[in-house]
Amino acid sequence: MPELRETNATSWQKGWYRFARHLPSPNFGARPADAQIDLVVLHSISLPPGVYGGTQVQELFTNQLDWSQHPYFKSIEGLQVSAHFYIQRGGEIWQFVSCDDRAWHAGTSHYRGRDNCNDDSIGIELEGLEGDTFTPAQYEALQALCPALVQHYPIAHLAGHEHIAPGRKADPGPGLDWALLQHTLGLAPQCFPDSVKKIC
């Protein structure tokens, strides 16, 4: 996917990434006026857990999920969430919220001395099961998307949901190859959580 590596200003329009499939979510809001968009948060998600390739994640993020479709869905019925991006196992990138806006992905959170990480972060969901591994195509998509974000926003930190909400969240978990991300993204060690720096 060489065209995905284009990272100049033409890659963005009002916070929408040119090389993603756009599916706007109603679950977003304005960022605080003084927000510095300097954090990327990586998550993992699959619906139902461990089932890949369906449209249920897109339906969840757009409030279209049929809660009666699977017993698991009853446990999350009524949930209204979103992320800026979702990367499927084959590497396809979806975007639900403009990066200029506040998506609802982090929940109660604290990182780099600040609470409410939704205010100043960009959320990327990886199709996968918490603790499981991810595909080469997903890493290739991250290797295109993250540099584009770094060029367009003042990104200074990359962390997992587990790092911004420890004890409450454990995704994406040990299956994510942080060392590979550090090597291929070319970000300095201080951009990563302390626990990740030790393995990179």
Protein backbone atom coordinates (compact mmCIF):
# COMPACT_ATOMS: atom_id res chain seq x y z
CA MET A 1 0.00 0.00 0.00
CA PRO A 2 2.60 2.62 -0.98
CA GLU A 3 0.02 5.37 -1.46
CA LEU A 4 -0.83 5.15 2.26
CA ARG A 5 2.59 6.50 3.11
CA GLU A 6 1.81 9.95 1.77
CA THR A 7 1.79 12.17 4.87
CA ASN A 8 1.62 15.76 3.61
CA ALA A 9 -1.27 18.16 4.18
CA THR A 10 -3.29 16.67 1.30
CA SER A 11 -3.76 13.56 3.45
CA TRP A 12 -6.15 15.49 5.73
CA GLN A 13 -9.33 17.49 5.39
CA LYS A 14 -10.84 18.94 8.56
CA GLY A 15 -9.38 16.10 10.61
CA TRP A 16 -10.43 13.32 8.22
CA TYR A 17 -7.70 11.06 6.87
CA ARG A 18 -7.83 10.67 3.11
CA PHE A 19 -6.80 7.00 3.11
CA ALA A 20 -9.44 5.76 5.55
CA ARG A 21 -12.99 4.68 4.87
CA HIS A 22 -15.21 7.34 6.42
CA LEU A 23 -18.23 6.28 8.47
CA PRO A 24 -19.22 9.22 10.70
CA SER A 25 -20.32 8.39 14.24
CA PRO A 26 -22.77 10.50 16.26
CA ASN A 27 -20.69 9.72 19.37
CA PHE A 28 -18.31 12.65 19.56
CA GLY A 29 -18.00 16.17 20.92
CA ALA A 30 -15.87 19.27 20.80
CA ARG A 31 -12.44 19.21 22.38
CA PRO A 32 -11.63 21.78 25.07
CA ALA A 33 -10.43 25.02 23.52
CA ASP A 34 -6.93 24.58 24.97
CA ALA A 35 -6.56 20.88 24.07
CA GLN A 36 -3.15 19.78 22.77
CA ILE A 37 -3.74 16.69 20.63
CA ASP A 38 -0.51 15.00 21.66
CA LEU A 39 -1.47 11.40 22.54
CA VAL A 40 -2.37 8.36 20.43
CA VAL A 41 -4.14 5.58 22.33
CA LEU A 42 -4.16 2.04 20.94
CA HIS A 43 -7.04 -0.30 21.80
CA SER A 44 -8.20 -3.74 20.74
CA ILE A 45 -11.78 -4.72 20.00
CA SER A 46 -13.77 -7.54 18.43
CA LEU A 47 -17.49 -8.21 18.49
CA PRO A 48 -18.40 -10.72 19.70
CA PRO A 49 -15.03 -11.15 21.44
CA GLY A 50 -12.67 -13.19 19.28
CA VAL A 51 -14.89 -13.02 16.18
CA TYR A 52 -13.33 -11.15 13.26
CA GLY A 53 -14.44 -9.88 9.88
CA GLY A 54 -17.97 -8.74 10.63
CA THR A 55 -19.51 -5.28 10.71
CA GLN A 56 -20.47 -5.27 14.39
CA VAL A 57 -17.71 -2.86 15.47
CA GLN A 58 -18.77 -0.34 12.83
CA GLU A 59 -22.38 -0.81 13.95
CA LEU A 60 -21.44 -0.26 17.60
CA PHE A 61 -19.59 2.97 16.84
CA THR A 62 -22.55 4.31 14.84
CA ASN A 63 -25.27 3.18 17.31
CA GLN A 64 -26.61 0.63 14.81
CA LEU A 65 -25.75 -2.62 16.62
CA ASP A 66 -28.62 -5.07 17.07
CA TRP A 67 -28.32 -5.97 20.76
CA SER A 68 -30.32 -9.17 20.22
CA GLN A 69 -27.88 -10.50 17.61
CA HIS A 70 -25.61 -12.23 20.14
CA PRO A 71 -25.84 -13.00 23.89
CA TYR A 72 -22.67 -10.99 24.57
CA PHE A 73 -24.27 -7.85 23.20
CA LYS A 74 -26.75 -7.81 26.08
CA SER A 75 -23.84 -7.03 28.43
CA ILE A 76 -23.02 -3.84 26.50
CA GLU A 77 -26.55 -2.88 25.48
CA GLY A 78 -26.99 0.86 25.23
CA LEU A 79 -23.27 1.59 25.15
CA GLN A 80 -22.44 4.71 23.14
CA VAL A 81 -18.76 4.82 22.22
CA SER A 82 -16.52 5.65 19.29
CA ALA A 83 -12.91 5.81 18.23
CA HIS A 84 -11.27 7.95 15.64
CA PHE A 85 -9.93 4.92 13.76
CA TYR A 86 -10.52 1.19 13.49
CA ILE A 87 -8.01 -1.09 11.72
CA GLN A 88 -9.31 -4.47 10.61
CA ARG A 89 -7.24 -7.65 10.42
CA GLY A 90 -6.64 -7.13 6.69
CA GLY A 91 -5.29 -3.62 7.30
CA GLU A 92 -8.34 -1.65 6.18
CA ILE A 93 -8.59 1.66 8.04
CA TRP A 94 -11.98 3.08 9.03
CA GLN A 95 -12.51 6.55 10.48
CA PHE A 96 -15.56 7.47 12.56
CA VAL A 97 -14.70 10.86 14.09
CA SER A 98 -12.62 13.78 12.84
CA CYS A 99 -9.33 13.94 14.70
CA ASP A 100 -10.12 17.59 15.36
CA ASP A 101 -13.02 16.39 17.53
CA ARG A 102 -13.26 14.38 20.74
CA ALA A 103 -14.13 10.69 20.27
CA TRP A 104 -15.44 8.56 23.16
CA HIS A 105 -12.80 5.84 23.45
CA ALA A 106 -10.73 6.38 26.61
CA GLY A 107 -13.28 6.62 29.43
CA THR A 108 -11.98 7.41 32.91
CA SER A 109 -8.28 7.84 32.30
CA HIS A 110 -5.06 9.59 33.33
CA TYR A 111 -1.77 9.93 31.48
CA ARG A 112 1.22 12.30 31.30
CA GLY A 113 -0.16 14.21 34.29
CA ARG A 114 -3.61 14.78 32.79
CA ASP A 115 -7.06 13.30 33.33
CA ASN A 116 -9.78 12.69 30.73
CA CYS A 117 -7.60 11.48 27.87
CA ASN A 118 -10.51 11.78 25.42
CA ASP A 119 -9.95 15.53 25.53
CA ASP A 120 -6.56 15.50 23.85
CA SER A 121 -5.97 12.06 22.34
CA ILE A 122 -6.63 10.16 19.14
CA GLY A 123 -8.03 6.66 19.60
CA ILE A 124 -7.11 3.78 17.29
CA GLU A 125 -8.94 0.46 17.70
CA LEU A 126 -7.25 -2.67 16.35
CA GLU A 127 -9.50 -5.58 15.45
CA GLY A 128 -8.30 -8.22 17.86
CA LEU A 129 -8.74 -9.93 21.17
CA GLU A 130 -7.19 -8.49 24.31
CA GLY A 131 -3.80 -10.16 24.77
CA ASP A 132 -3.78 -11.80 21.34
CA THR A 133 -1.43 -10.94 18.46
CA PHE A 134 -2.13 -8.65 15.53
CA THR A 135 -1.55 -9.12 11.82
CA PRO A 136 1.27 -7.80 9.59
CA ALA A 137 -1.35 -5.85 7.64
CA GLN A 138 -2.44 -4.07 10.81
CA TYR A 139 1.14 -3.09 11.62
CA GLU A 140 1.56 -1.81 8.06
CA ALA A 141 -1.57 0.31 8.49
CA LEU A 142 -0.23 1.70 11.78
CA GLN A 143 3.09 2.42 10.07
CA ALA A 144 1.20 4.59 7.57
CA LEU A 145 -1.36 6.18 9.90
CA CYS A 146 0.85 7.08 12.87
CA PRO A 147 3.45 9.08 10.90
CA ALA A 148 0.60 10.91 9.17
CA LEU A 149 -0.80 11.81 12.59
CA VAL A 150 2.63 12.90 13.84
CA GLN A 151 3.04 15.23 10.87
CA HIS A 152 -0.41 16.77 11.24
CA TYR A 153 -0.79 16.96 15.05
CA PRO A 154 1.68 17.60 17.91
CA ILE A 155 1.81 13.90 18.84
CA ALA A 156 4.34 13.28 21.60
CA HIS A 157 3.00 10.09 23.23
CA LEU A 158 1.80 6.65 22.13
CA ALA A 159 0.19 4.38 24.72
CA GLY A 160 -2.27 1.54 25.11
CA HIS A 161 -5.64 1.71 26.81
CA GLU A 162 -4.02 -0.38 29.54
CA HIS A 163 -1.55 2.44 30.24
CA ILE A 164 -4.08 5.25 30.52
CA ALA A 165 -6.61 3.23 32.55
CA PRO A 166 -4.55 0.65 34.48
CA GLY A 167 -6.59 -1.77 36.52
CA ARG A 168 -9.70 -0.91 34.56
CA LYS A 169 -8.55 -1.80 31.04
CA ALA A 170 -5.97 -4.32 29.79
CA ASP A 171 -6.08 -3.82 26.03
CA PRO A 172 -4.45 -4.17 23.64
CA GLY A 173 -2.36 -6.35 25.95
CA PRO A 174 0.88 -8.32 25.58
CA GLY A 175 0.10 -9.41 22.02
CA LEU A 176 0.96 -5.97 20.68
CA ASP A 177 4.57 -5.78 19.48
CA TRP A 178 5.64 -2.45 20.99
CA ALA A 179 9.27 -3.04 20.03
CA LEU A 180 8.26 -3.34 16.38
CA LEU A 181 6.23 -0.14 16.61
CA GLN A 182 9.10 1.77 18.16
CA HIS A 183 11.48 0.50 15.50
CA THR A 184 9.25 1.10 12.50
CA LEU A 185 7.64 4.38 13.58
CA GLY A 186 10.96 5.95 14.51
CA LEU A 187 9.54 7.59 17.64
CA ALA A 188 11.86 8.36 20.54
CA PRO A 189 11.72 6.06 23.59
CA GLN A 190 10.22 8.84 25.72
CA CYS A 191 7.13 8.74 23.48
CA PHE A 192 6.24 5.34 24.93
CA PRO A 193 5.04 4.25 28.41
CA ASP A 194 7.76 3.35 30.92
CA SER A 195 6.75 -0.33 30.92
CA VAL A 196 7.10 -0.43 27.14
CA LYS A 197 10.46 1.33 27.00
CA LYS A 198 11.94 -1.58 28.95
CA ILE A 199 11.12 -4.05 26.18
CA CYS A 200 11.91 -1.82 23.22
